[in-house]
């Protein structure tokens, strides 16, 4: 299992939200590149970079942050937030991103998403599925749908999806532990899927548990910034 630190960007700064609420924003560093370099120095190889301004606006805004981190580190970066058109995906790859993270449009315009899977390949597209209960939430968690996460993943896998992460909104940013039961179900149902846990990771023990249930990766955010997990512990889990 690979541990993937997250950097969330608002106005070019490294922030974290609580339960996806923009009003509950905490700035951790004015310089995301500095944070990314700290991760790289600790032996981390992968980074989850989220354009929260873009997620709200429906178009990529903080691509320059991606460009800078990709240009000045060797990190493999997946980048998402506000991807609504193919030009957004091109911006990501042209700015040094290795993987495009797609969320809401896969729900709203599934045929468009299937086309991207076919054009770029499942290894270049990462599906981000946010859930409350077992139903999908979209648009930066501001809109709840009636779409079941298991039906959603099944359909996308049939169309070529290879990798996905799932964030349980009720857990995210609260440091109360990940949604182990939900993740177990997903992994058992979809053995071919490279599944990445996201949200609620609080400790190294959480990471060990996620590895034991078969997660391919785990995205970690607030626990790092709040000092619950030390940087040197991130690479000891793999």
C-alpha atoms as a PDB file:
ATOM      1  CA  UNK A   1       0.000   0.000   0.000  1.00  0.00           C
ATOM      2  CA  UNK A   2       1.232   3.452  -0.897  1.00  0.00           C
ATOM      3  CA  UNK A   3       0.579   6.353   1.470  1.00  0.00           C
ATOM      4  CA  UNK A   4      -0.351   9.491  -0.462  1.00  0.00           C
ATOM      5  CA  UNK A   5      -0.162  12.858   1.317  1.00  0.00           C
ATOM      6  CA  UNK A   6      -2.712  15.443   0.241  1.00  0.00           C
ATOM      7  CA  UNK A   7      -2.251  19.119  -0.421  1.00  0.00           C
ATOM      8  CA  UNK A   8      -5.465  21.096  -0.800  1.00  0.00           C
ATOM      9  CA  UNK A   9      -5.128  24.496  -2.463  1.00  0.00           C
ATOM     10  CA  UNK A  10      -7.155  27.656  -1.924  1.00  0.00           C
ATOM     11  CA  UNK A  11      -5.771  30.944  -3.315  1.00  0.00           C
ATOM     12  CA  UNK A  12      -2.417  29.237  -3.862  1.00  0.00           C
ATOM     13  CA  UNK A  13      -2.082  28.224  -0.204  1.00  0.00           C
ATOM     14  CA  UNK A  14      -2.003  24.815   1.463  1.00  0.00           C
ATOM     15  CA  UNK A  15      -5.217  24.428   3.481  1.00  0.00           C
ATOM     16  CA  UNK A  16      -7.483  21.770   4.991  1.00  0.00           C
ATOM     17  CA  UNK A  17     -11.248  21.834   5.271  1.00  0.00           C
ATOM     18  CA  UNK A  18     -13.411  20.026   7.806  1.00  0.00           C
ATOM     19  CA  UNK A  19     -16.097  17.837   6.185  1.00  0.00           C
ATOM     20  CA  UNK A  20     -15.633  19.714   2.917  1.00  0.00           C
ATOM     21  CA  UNK A  21     -16.871  22.971   4.431  1.00  0.00           C
ATOM     22  CA  UNK A  22     -15.117  25.985   2.907  1.00  0.00           C
ATOM     23  CA  UNK A  23     -16.136  28.027   5.956  1.00  0.00           C
ATOM     24  CA  UNK A  24     -14.079  25.635   8.105  1.00  0.00           C
ATOM     25  CA  UNK A  25     -10.793  26.369   6.380  1.00  0.00           C
ATOM     26  CA  UNK A  26      -7.396  26.294   8.056  1.00  0.00           C
ATOM     27  CA  UNK A  27      -4.275  27.534   6.271  1.00  0.00           C
ATOM     28  CA  UNK A  28      -1.246  25.373   7.080  1.00  0.00           C
ATOM     29  CA  UNK A  29       1.327  26.862   4.754  1.00  0.00           C
ATOM     30  CA  UNK A  30       1.426  29.785   2.348  1.00  0.00           C
ATOM     31  CA  UNK A  31       3.770  27.814   0.084  1.00  0.00           C
ATOM     32  CA  UNK A  32       2.574  24.410  -1.193  1.00  0.00           C
ATOM     33  CA  UNK A  33       5.927  23.738  -2.896  1.00  0.00           C
ATOM     34  CA  UNK A  34       7.626  23.894   0.491  1.00  0.00           C
ATOM     35  CA  UNK A  35       5.172  21.288   1.816  1.00  0.00           C
ATOM     36  CA  UNK A  36       5.657  19.061  -1.237  1.00  0.00           C
ATOM     37  CA  UNK A  37       9.432  19.202  -0.825  1.00  0.00           C
ATOM     38  CA  UNK A  38       9.085  18.161   2.822  1.00  0.00           C
ATOM     39  CA  UNK A  39       7.100  15.129   1.685  1.00  0.00           C
ATOM     40  CA  UNK A  40       9.688  14.279  -0.948  1.00  0.00           C
ATOM     41  CA  UNK A  41      12.550  14.664   1.525  1.00  0.00           C
ATOM     42  CA  UNK A  42      10.752  12.186   3.810  1.00  0.00           C
ATOM     43  CA  UNK A  43      10.792   9.579   1.022  1.00  0.00           C
ATOM     44  CA  UNK A  44       7.246  10.068  -0.267  1.00  0.00           C
ATOM     45  CA  UNK A  45       6.836   9.398  -4.003  1.00  0.00           C
ATOM     46  CA  UNK A  46       3.183  10.261  -4.659  1.00  0.00           C
ATOM     47  CA  UNK A  47       1.111  13.401  -4.026  1.00  0.00           C
ATOM     48  CA  UNK A  48      -2.641  14.058  -4.107  1.00  0.00           C
ATOM     49  CA  UNK A  49      -3.096  17.701  -5.119  1.00  0.00           C
ATOM     50  CA  UNK A  50      -6.577  19.233  -4.955  1.00  0.00           C
ATOM     51  CA  UNK A  51      -7.628  22.567  -6.445  1.00  0.00           C
ATOM     52  CA  UNK A  52     -10.426  23.573  -4.070  1.00  0.00           C
ATOM     53  CA  UNK A  53     -10.925  26.887  -5.873  1.00  0.00           C
ATOM     54  CA  UNK A  54     -11.332  24.881  -9.058  1.00  0.00           C
ATOM     55  CA  UNK A  55     -13.786  22.480  -7.448  1.00  0.00           C
ATOM     56  CA  UNK A  56     -15.967  25.438  -6.524  1.00  0.00           C
ATOM     57  CA  UNK A  57     -15.598  27.265  -9.846  1.00  0.00           C
ATOM     58  CA  UNK A  58     -16.001  24.233 -12.114  1.00  0.00           C
ATOM     59  CA  UNK A  59     -12.691  24.805 -13.896  1.00  0.00           C
ATOM     60  CA  UNK A  60      -9.028  24.408 -13.002  1.00  0.00           C
ATOM     61  CA  UNK A  61      -7.652  27.525 -11.312  1.00  0.00           C
ATOM     62  CA  UNK A  62      -4.487  26.576  -9.408  1.00  0.00           C
ATOM     63  CA  UNK A  63      -2.642  24.839 -12.249  1.00  0.00           C
ATOM     64  CA  UNK A  64       0.444  26.964 -11.627  1.00  0.00           C
ATOM     65  CA  UNK A  65       0.843  25.294  -8.228  1.00  0.00           C
ATOM     66  CA  UNK A  66       0.841  21.931 -10.014  1.00  0.00           C
ATOM     67  CA  UNK A  67       3.357  23.192 -12.556  1.00  0.00           C
ATOM     68  CA  UNK A  68       5.694  24.445  -9.844  1.00  0.00           C
ATOM     69  CA  UNK A  69       5.568  21.281  -7.725  1.00  0.00           C
ATOM     70  CA  UNK A  70       5.911  19.008 -10.771  1.00  0.00           C
ATOM     71  CA  UNK A  71       8.828  21.082 -12.053  1.00  0.00           C
ATOM     72  CA  UNK A  72      10.724  21.210  -8.770  1.00  0.00           C
ATOM     73  CA  UNK A  73      10.107  17.740  -7.308  1.00  0.00           C
ATOM     74  CA  UNK A  74      10.111  14.179  -8.643  1.00  0.00           C
ATOM     75  CA  UNK A  75       6.734  13.398  -7.063  1.00  0.00           C
ATOM     76  CA  UNK A  76       4.106  11.524  -9.062  1.00  0.00           C
ATOM     77  CA  UNK A  77       1.133  13.877  -8.802  1.00  0.00           C
ATOM     78  CA  UNK A  78      -2.538  13.233  -9.235  1.00  0.00           C
ATOM     79  CA  UNK A  79      -4.404  16.514  -9.621  1.00  0.00           C
ATOM     80  CA  UNK A  80      -8.101  17.280  -9.437  1.00  0.00           C
ATOM     81  CA  UNK A  81     -10.707  19.895  -8.674  1.00  0.00           C
ATOM     82  CA  UNK A  82     -13.098  21.373 -11.197  1.00  0.00           C
ATOM     83  CA  UNK A  83     -12.379  19.089 -14.146  1.00  0.00           C
ATOM     84  CA  UNK A  84     -15.361  19.553 -16.437  1.00  0.00           C
ATOM     85  CA  UNK A  85     -13.871  19.506 -19.938  1.00  0.00           C
ATOM     86  CA  UNK A  86     -11.114  17.743 -21.848  1.00  0.00           C
ATOM     87  CA  UNK A  87      -9.090  20.964 -21.911  1.00  0.00           C
ATOM     88  CA  UNK A  88      -8.837  20.672 -18.111  1.00  0.00           C
ATOM     89  CA  UNK A  89      -7.269  17.235 -18.450  1.00  0.00           C
ATOM     90  CA  UNK A  90      -4.838  18.589 -21.039  1.00  0.00           C
ATOM     91  CA  UNK A  91      -3.892  21.412 -18.640  1.00  0.00           C
ATOM     92  CA  UNK A  92      -3.084  18.819 -15.966  1.00  0.00           C
ATOM     93  CA  UNK A  93      -0.860  16.714 -18.207  1.00  0.00           C
ATOM     94  CA  UNK A  94       0.789  19.780 -19.783  1.00  0.00           C
ATOM     95  CA  UNK A  95       1.526  21.150 -16.287  1.00  0.00           C
ATOM     96  CA  UNK A  96       3.320  17.985 -15.186  1.00  0.00           C
ATOM     97  CA  UNK A  97       0.508  16.033 -13.558  1.00  0.00           C
ATOM     98  CA  UNK A  98       0.748  12.254 -14.012  1.00  0.00           C
ATOM     99  CA  UNK A  99      -2.887  11.443 -13.254  1.00  0.00           C
ATOM    100  CA  UNK A 100      -6.108  13.438 -13.633  1.00  0.00           C
ATOM    101  CA  UNK A 101      -8.507  13.086 -10.715  1.00  0.00           C
ATOM    102  CA  UNK A 102     -12.107  13.302 -11.861  1.00  0.00           C
ATOM    103  CA  UNK A 103     -15.189  13.518  -9.668  1.00  0.00           C
ATOM    104  CA  UNK A 104     -18.480  15.272 -10.320  1.00  0.00           C
ATOM    105  CA  UNK A 105     -18.489  15.007 -14.105  1.00  0.00           C
ATOM    106  CA  UNK A 106     -18.339  11.213 -13.875  1.00  0.00           C
ATOM    107  CA  UNK A 107     -21.713  11.478 -12.120  1.00  0.00           C
ATOM    108  CA  UNK A 108     -23.250  14.268 -14.180  1.00  0.00           C
ATOM    109  CA  UNK A 109     -21.933  13.300 -17.618  1.00  0.00           C
ATOM    110  CA  UNK A 110     -20.929   9.633 -17.474  1.00  0.00           C
ATOM    111  CA  UNK A 111     -20.562   9.262 -21.252  1.00  0.00           C
ATOM    112  CA  UNK A 112     -17.970  12.054 -21.281  1.00  0.00           C
ATOM    113  CA  UNK A 113     -16.061  10.314 -18.509  1.00  0.00           C
ATOM    114  CA  UNK A 114     -16.162   6.980 -20.358  1.00  0.00           C
ATOM    115  CA  UNK A 115     -14.661   8.713 -23.411  1.00  0.00           C
ATOM    116  CA  UNK A 116     -11.803  10.034 -21.283  1.00  0.00           C
ATOM    117  CA  UNK A 117     -11.145   6.564 -19.896  1.00  0.00           C
ATOM    118  CA  UNK A 118     -10.917   5.202 -23.421  1.00  0.00           C
ATOM    119  CA  UNK A 119      -8.772   8.072 -24.751  1.00  0.00           C
ATOM    120  CA  UNK A 120      -6.254   8.424 -21.915  1.00  0.00           C
ATOM    121  CA  UNK A 121      -6.388   4.945 -20.368  1.00  0.00           C
ATOM    122  CA  UNK A 122      -7.355   3.808 -16.906  1.00  0.00           C
ATOM    123  CA  UNK A 123      -3.834   4.365 -15.575  1.00  0.00           C
ATOM    124  CA  UNK A 124      -4.048   8.122 -16.297  1.00  0.00           C
ATOM    125  CA  UNK A 125      -7.508   8.746 -14.815  1.00  0.00           C
ATOM    126  CA  UNK A 126      -8.350   8.474 -11.116  1.00  0.00           C
ATOM    127  CA  UNK A 127     -12.008   8.531 -10.104  1.00  0.00           C
ATOM    128  CA  UNK A 128     -12.759  10.347  -6.866  1.00  0.00           C
ATOM    129  CA  UNK A 129     -16.052   9.254  -5.325  1.00  0.00           C
ATOM    130  CA  UNK A 130     -17.324  11.178  -2.328  1.00  0.00           C
ATOM    131  CA  UNK A 131     -20.038   9.494  -0.294  1.00  0.00           C
ATOM    132  CA  UNK A 132     -22.427  10.174   2.536  1.00  0.00           C
ATOM    133  CA  UNK A 133     -23.912   6.945   3.786  1.00  0.00           C
ATOM    134  CA  UNK A 134     -23.498   4.882   0.614  1.00  0.00           C
ATOM    135  CA  UNK A 135     -24.663   7.553  -1.824  1.00  0.00           C
ATOM    136  CA  UNK A 136     -22.524   9.841  -3.979  1.00  0.00           C
ATOM    137  CA  UNK A 137     -22.046  13.545  -3.194  1.00  0.00           C
ATOM    138  CA  UNK A 138     -20.782  15.965  -5.842  1.00  0.00           C
ATOM    139  CA  UNK A 139     -19.673  19.562  -6.471  1.00  0.00           C
ATOM    140  CA  UNK A 140     -17.257  19.778  -3.568  1.00  0.00           C
ATOM    141  CA  UNK A 141     -19.728  17.869  -1.386  1.00  0.00           C
ATOM    142  CA  UNK A 142     -22.396  20.537  -1.722  1.00  0.00           C
ATOM    143  CA  UNK A 143     -24.889  18.315  -3.579  1.00  0.00           C
ATOM    144  CA  UNK A 144     -26.178  14.912  -2.450  1.00  0.00           C
ATOM    145  CA  UNK A 145     -27.380  12.367  -5.040  1.00  0.00           C
ATOM    146  CA  UNK A 146     -29.367   9.131  -4.883  1.00  0.00           C
ATOM    147  CA  UNK A 147     -26.626   7.228  -6.735  1.00  0.00           C
ATOM    148  CA  UNK A 148     -25.315   4.213  -4.853  1.00  0.00           C
ATOM    149  CA  UNK A 149     -21.506   3.950  -4.641  1.00  0.00           C
ATOM    150  CA  UNK A 150     -21.449   0.240  -5.519  1.00  0.00           C
ATOM    151  CA  UNK A 151     -23.604   0.657  -8.639  1.00  0.00           C
ATOM    152  CA  UNK A 152     -21.505   3.664  -9.629  1.00  0.00           C
ATOM    153  CA  UNK A 153     -18.179   1.832  -9.334  1.00  0.00           C
ATOM    154  CA  UNK A 154     -19.494  -1.281 -11.121  1.00  0.00           C
ATOM    155  CA  UNK A 155     -20.607   0.741 -14.140  1.00  0.00           C
ATOM    156  CA  UNK A 156     -17.319   2.638 -14.374  1.00  0.00           C
ATOM    157  CA  UNK A 157     -15.194  -0.508 -14.043  1.00  0.00           C
ATOM    158  CA  UNK A 158     -17.139  -1.982 -16.947  1.00  0.00           C
ATOM    159  CA  UNK A 159     -16.115   1.105 -18.952  1.00  0.00           C
ATOM    160  CA  UNK A 160     -12.405   0.719 -18.181  1.00  0.00           C
ATOM    161  CA  UNK A 161     -11.905   2.303 -14.756  1.00  0.00           C
ATOM    162  CA  UNK A 162      -8.788   0.931 -13.047  1.00  0.00           C
ATOM    163  CA  UNK A 163      -8.315   3.139  -9.982  1.00  0.00           C
ATOM    164  CA  UNK A 164     -10.544   5.058  -7.598  1.00  0.00           C
ATOM    165  CA  UNK A 165     -10.584   6.618  -4.185  1.00  0.00           C
ATOM    166  CA  UNK A 166     -13.564   7.044  -1.943  1.00  0.00           C
ATOM    167  CA  UNK A 167     -13.998   9.725   0.704  1.00  0.00           C
ATOM    168  CA  UNK A 168     -16.642   9.315   3.379  1.00  0.00           C
ATOM    169  CA  UNK A 169     -17.673  12.920   4.013  1.00  0.00           C
ATOM    170  CA  UNK A 170     -18.876  12.085   7.505  1.00  0.00           C
ATOM    171  CA  UNK A 171     -15.306  11.103   8.406  1.00  0.00           C
ATOM    172  CA  UNK A 172     -13.221  13.642   6.521  1.00  0.00           C
ATOM    173  CA  UNK A 173     -11.216  16.168   8.507  1.00  0.00           C
ATOM    174  CA  UNK A 174     -12.540  14.971  11.867  1.00  0.00           C
ATOM    175  CA  UNK A 175      -9.621  12.676  12.725  1.00  0.00           C
ATOM    176  CA  UNK A 176     -12.039   9.964  13.864  1.00  0.00           C
ATOM    177  CA  UNK A 177     -10.724   7.081  11.758  1.00  0.00           C
ATOM    178  CA  UNK A 178     -11.462   5.915   8.203  1.00  0.00           C
ATOM    179  CA  UNK A 179     -14.617   4.194   6.895  1.00  0.00           C
ATOM    180  CA  UNK A 180     -13.200   0.678   7.243  1.00  0.00           C
ATOM    181  CA  UNK A 181     -16.500  -1.185   6.781  1.00  0.00           C
ATOM    182  CA  UNK A 182     -17.364   0.687   3.593  1.00  0.00           C
ATOM    183  CA  UNK A 183     -13.878   0.128   2.174  1.00  0.00           C
ATOM    184  CA  UNK A 184     -13.973  -3.583   3.003  1.00  0.00           C
ATOM    185  CA  UNK A 185     -17.213  -3.938   1.038  1.00  0.00           C
ATOM    186  CA  UNK A 186     -15.801  -2.078  -1.970  1.00  0.00           C
ATOM    187  CA  UNK A 187     -12.591  -4.137  -2.019  1.00  0.00           C
ATOM    188  CA  UNK A 188     -14.500  -7.416  -1.696  1.00  0.00           C
ATOM    189  CA  UNK A 189     -16.920  -6.507  -4.505  1.00  0.00           C
ATOM    190  CA  UNK A 190     -14.328  -5.120  -6.934  1.00  0.00           C
ATOM    191  CA  UNK A 191     -11.126  -7.127  -6.686  1.00  0.00           C
ATOM    192  CA  UNK A 192      -9.712  -5.723  -9.946  1.00  0.00           C
ATOM    193  CA  UNK A 193      -9.977  -2.103  -8.773  1.00  0.00           C
ATOM    194  CA  UNK A 194      -6.920  -0.324  -7.400  1.00  0.00           C
ATOM    195  CA  UNK A 195      -8.702   1.158  -4.411  1.00  0.00           C
ATOM    196  CA  UNK A 196      -7.432   4.125  -2.401  1.00  0.00           C
ATOM    197  CA  UNK A 197      -8.860   5.069   0.987  1.00  0.00           C
ATOM    198  CA  UNK A 198      -9.442   8.742   1.753  1.00  0.00           C
ATOM    199  CA  UNK A 199     -10.760  10.639   4.753  1.00  0.00           C
ATOM    200  CA  UNK A 200     -10.547  10.139   8.496  1.00  0.00           C
ATOM    201  CA  UNK A 201      -7.026   8.681   8.738  1.00  0.00           C
ATOM    202  CA  UNK A 202      -5.770   9.657  12.175  1.00  0.00           C
ATOM    203  CA  UNK A 203      -2.863   7.366  13.040  1.00  0.00           C
ATOM    204  CA  UNK A 204      -0.339   4.868  11.787  1.00  0.00           C
ATOM    205  CA  UNK A 205      -2.644   2.166  13.173  1.00  0.00           C
ATOM    206  CA  UNK A 206      -5.354   3.362  10.768  1.00  0.00           C
ATOM    207  CA  UNK A 207      -2.911   3.012   7.884  1.00  0.00           C
ATOM    208  CA  UNK A 208      -1.913  -0.495   8.981  1.00  0.00           C
ATOM    209  CA  UNK A 209      -5.592  -1.469   9.161  1.00  0.00           C
ATOM    210  CA  UNK A 210      -6.238  -0.077   5.657  1.00  0.00           C
ATOM    211  CA  UNK A 211      -3.295  -2.062   4.342  1.00  0.00           C
ATOM    212  CA  UNK A 212      -4.590  -5.220   6.011  1.00  0.00           C
ATOM    213  CA  UNK A 213      -8.043  -4.971   4.396  1.00  0.00           C
ATOM    214  CA  UNK A 214      -6.425  -4.680   0.961  1.00  0.00           C
ATOM    215  CA  UNK A 215      -6.304  -0.983   0.068  1.00  0.00           C
ATOM    216  CA  UNK A 216      -3.803  -0.151  -2.676  1.00  0.00           C
ATOM    217  CA  UNK A 217      -3.290   3.303  -1.239  1.00  0.00           C
ATOM    218  CA  UNK A 218      -4.395   5.738   1.436  1.00  0.00           C
ATOM    219  CA  UNK A 219      -4.664   9.507   1.121  1.00  0.00           C
ATOM    220  CA  UNK A 220      -3.659  11.338   4.296  1.00  0.00           C
ATOM    221  CA  UNK A 221      -4.204  15.020   4.975  1.00  0.00           C
ATOM    222  CA  UNK A 222      -5.106  16.597   8.274  1.00  0.00           C
ATOM    223  CA  UNK A 223      -3.381  13.928  10.389  1.00  0.00           C
ATOM    224  CA  UNK A 224      -0.040  15.009   8.896  1.00  0.00           C
ATOM    225  CA  UNK A 225      -0.661  18.722   9.325  1.00  0.00           C
ATOM    226  CA  UNK A 226      -1.877  18.292  12.897  1.00  0.00           C
ATOM    227  CA  UNK A 227       1.157  16.170  13.794  1.00  0.00           C
ATOM    228  CA  UNK A 228      -0.804  12.943  14.414  1.00  0.00           C
ATOM    229  CA  UNK A 229       1.339  11.120  11.837  1.00  0.00           C
ATOM    230  CA  UNK A 230       4.995  12.047  11.460  1.00  0.00           C
ATOM    231  CA  UNK A 231       6.508  12.420   7.988  1.00  0.00           C
ATOM    232  CA  UNK A 232       9.020   9.632   8.582  1.00  0.00           C
ATOM    233  CA  UNK A 233       6.137   7.274   9.424  1.00  0.00           C
ATOM    234  CA  UNK A 234       4.462   7.734   6.025  1.00  0.00           C
ATOM    235  CA  UNK A 235       6.898   5.532   4.131  1.00  0.00           C
ATOM    236  CA  UNK A 236       7.100   2.784   6.762  1.00  0.00           C
ATOM    237  CA  UNK A 237       3.683   1.353   5.884  1.00  0.00           C
ATOM    238  CA  UNK A 238       4.274   0.317   2.264  1.00  0.00           C
END
